[in-house]
Amino acid sequence: MSAAVSNIVGPVAAKAPGTFAQLVNACCYAIVGHFIRRGAVATLRELDDRTLRDIGLVRTQIEAAVHGLLITSVEERMS
């Protein structure tokens, strides 16, 4: 009786990351997201008021828009 290597060595199952690895991963994503948002805020603050108005923002709405908290209706954008 001959045995093939595939019969002796079973398939290697990918181990799911543990809780600590998931926590570190979530922290990394949060830190990267923070710096991306800060960059977006800085870029929008450099724009003049007319350009901001063209994209539907006023200067006081920059932070909310970057964080996705600004909700505007289609009718409001069109007027």
C-alpha atoms as a PDB file:
ATOM      1  CA  MET A   1       0.000   0.000   0.000  1.00  0.00           C
ATOM      2  CA  SER A   2       1.513   3.297  -1.071  1.00  0.00           C
ATOM      3  CA  ALA A   3       0.607   6.615   0.489  1.00  0.00           C
ATOM      4  CA  ALA A   4       0.653   9.881  -1.338  1.00  0.00           C
ATOM      5  CA  VAL A   5       1.883  13.030   0.377  1.00  0.00           C
ATOM      6  CA  SER A   6      -1.554  14.606   0.008  1.00  0.00           C
ATOM      7  CA  ASN A   7      -3.031  11.753   2.082  1.00  0.00           C
ATOM      8  CA  ILE A   8      -0.446  12.112   4.843  1.00  0.00           C
ATOM      9  CA  VAL A   9      -0.383  15.892   5.142  1.00  0.00           C
ATOM     10  CA  GLY A  10      -3.838  17.394   5.354  1.00  0.00           C
ATOM     11  CA  PRO A  11      -4.728  20.772   3.874  1.00  0.00           C
ATOM     12  CA  VAL A  12      -3.587  23.771   5.850  1.00  0.00           C
ATOM     13  CA  ALA A  13      -6.597  25.679   7.083  1.00  0.00           C
ATOM     14  CA  ALA A  14      -6.224  29.432   7.257  1.00  0.00           C
ATOM     15  CA  LYS A  15      -6.511  30.426  10.869  1.00  0.00           C
ATOM     16  CA  ALA A  16      -8.834  33.330  11.495  1.00  0.00           C
ATOM     17  CA  PRO A  17      -7.152  36.270  13.205  1.00  0.00           C
ATOM     18  CA  GLY A  18      -7.595  36.366  16.950  1.00  0.00           C
ATOM     19  CA  THR A  19      -9.289  39.064  18.951  1.00  0.00           C
ATOM     20  CA  PHE A  20      -6.037  40.925  19.586  1.00  0.00           C
ATOM     21  CA  ALA A  21      -5.150  40.968  15.894  1.00  0.00           C
ATOM     22  CA  GLN A  22      -8.639  42.238  15.059  1.00  0.00           C
ATOM     23  CA  LEU A  23      -8.270  44.993  17.648  1.00  0.00           C
ATOM     24  CA  VAL A  24      -4.900  46.074  16.272  1.00  0.00           C
ATOM     25  CA  ASN A  25      -6.307  45.991  12.742  1.00  0.00           C
ATOM     26  CA  ALA A  26      -9.309  48.117  13.752  1.00  0.00           C
ATOM     27  CA  CYS A  27      -7.018  50.637  15.461  1.00  0.00           C
ATOM     28  CA  CYS A  28      -4.824  50.896  12.368  1.00  0.00           C
ATOM     29  CA  TYR A  29      -7.851  51.525  10.159  1.00  0.00           C
ATOM     30  CA  ALA A  30      -9.131  54.158  12.590  1.00  0.00           C
ATOM     31  CA  ILE A  31      -5.789  55.972  12.647  1.00  0.00           C
ATOM     32  CA  VAL A  32      -5.458  55.930   8.864  1.00  0.00           C
ATOM     33  CA  GLY A  33      -9.053  57.130   8.509  1.00  0.00           C
ATOM     34  CA  HIS A  34      -8.384  59.974  10.934  1.00  0.00           C
ATOM     35  CA  PHE A  35      -5.444  61.252   8.894  1.00  0.00           C
ATOM     36  CA  ILE A  36      -7.356  60.931   5.627  1.00  0.00           C
ATOM     37  CA  ARG A  37     -10.219  62.983   7.090  1.00  0.00           C
ATOM     38  CA  ARG A  38      -7.793  65.593   8.438  1.00  0.00           C
ATOM     39  CA  GLY A  39      -6.288  65.910   4.964  1.00  0.00           C
ATOM     40  CA  ALA A  40      -9.724  66.329   3.420  1.00  0.00           C
ATOM     41  CA  VAL A  41     -10.636  69.031   5.940  1.00  0.00           C
ATOM     42  CA  ALA A  42      -7.374  70.867   5.274  1.00  0.00           C
ATOM     43  CA  THR A  43      -7.925  70.696   1.523  1.00  0.00           C
ATOM     44  CA  LEU A  44     -11.490  71.989   1.781  1.00  0.00           C
ATOM     45  CA  ARG A  45     -10.447  74.824   4.095  1.00  0.00           C
ATOM     46  CA  GLU A  46      -7.988  76.021   1.458  1.00  0.00           C
ATOM     47  CA  LEU A  47     -10.828  76.553  -1.031  1.00  0.00           C
ATOM     48  CA  ASP A  48     -12.449  79.948  -1.355  1.00  0.00           C
ATOM     49  CA  ASP A  49     -16.093  80.503  -0.434  1.00  0.00           C
ATOM     50  CA  ARG A  50     -17.277  80.572  -4.057  1.00  0.00           C
ATOM     51  CA  THR A  51     -15.727  77.175  -4.805  1.00  0.00           C
ATOM     52  CA  LEU A  52     -17.217  75.718  -1.626  1.00  0.00           C
ATOM     53  CA  ARG A  53     -20.612  77.091  -2.616  1.00  0.00           C
ATOM     54  CA  ASP A  54     -20.227  75.478  -6.058  1.00  0.00           C
ATOM     55  CA  ILE A  55     -19.860  72.052  -4.433  1.00  0.00           C
ATOM     56  CA  GLY A  56     -22.765  72.758  -2.096  1.00  0.00           C
ATOM     57  CA  LEU A  57     -20.940  73.627   1.117  1.00  0.00           C
ATOM     58  CA  VAL A  58     -20.438  76.601   3.339  1.00  0.00           C
ATOM     59  CA  ARG A  59     -17.335  76.914   5.459  1.00  0.00           C
ATOM     60  CA  THR A  60     -19.133  75.872   8.658  1.00  0.00           C
ATOM     61  CA  GLN A  61     -20.220  72.570   7.063  1.00  0.00           C
ATOM     62  CA  ILE A  62     -16.741  71.295   6.163  1.00  0.00           C
ATOM     63  CA  GLU A  63     -16.232  69.096   9.249  1.00  0.00           C
ATOM     64  CA  ALA A  64     -19.713  67.586   9.013  1.00  0.00           C
ATOM     65  CA  ALA A  65     -19.326  66.904   5.292  1.00  0.00           C
ATOM     66  CA  VAL A  66     -15.983  65.160   5.741  1.00  0.00           C
ATOM     67  CA  HIS A  67     -17.357  62.978   8.536  1.00  0.00           C
ATOM     68  CA  GLY A  68     -20.417  62.096   6.454  1.00  0.00           C
ATOM     69  CA  LEU A  69     -22.828  63.818   8.809  1.00  0.00           C
ATOM     70  CA  LEU A  70     -24.115  66.401   6.348  1.00  0.00           C
ATOM     71  CA  ILE A  71     -27.458  65.472   4.824  1.00  0.00           C
ATOM     72  CA  THR A  72     -28.793  67.616   2.027  1.00  0.00           C
ATOM     73  CA  SER A  73     -31.764  67.033  -0.196  1.00  0.00           C
ATOM     74  CA  VAL A  74     -31.635  67.082  -3.975  1.00  0.00           C
ATOM     75  CA  GLU A  75     -33.930  70.101  -4.063  1.00  0.00           C
ATOM     76  CA  GLU A  76     -31.604  72.010  -1.764  1.00  0.00           C
ATOM     77  CA  ARG A  77     -28.631  71.294  -4.021  1.00  0.00           C
ATOM     78  CA  MET A  78     -30.498  72.347  -7.152  1.00  0.00           C
ATOM     79  CA  SER A  79     -31.569  75.782  -5.861  1.00  0.00           C
END
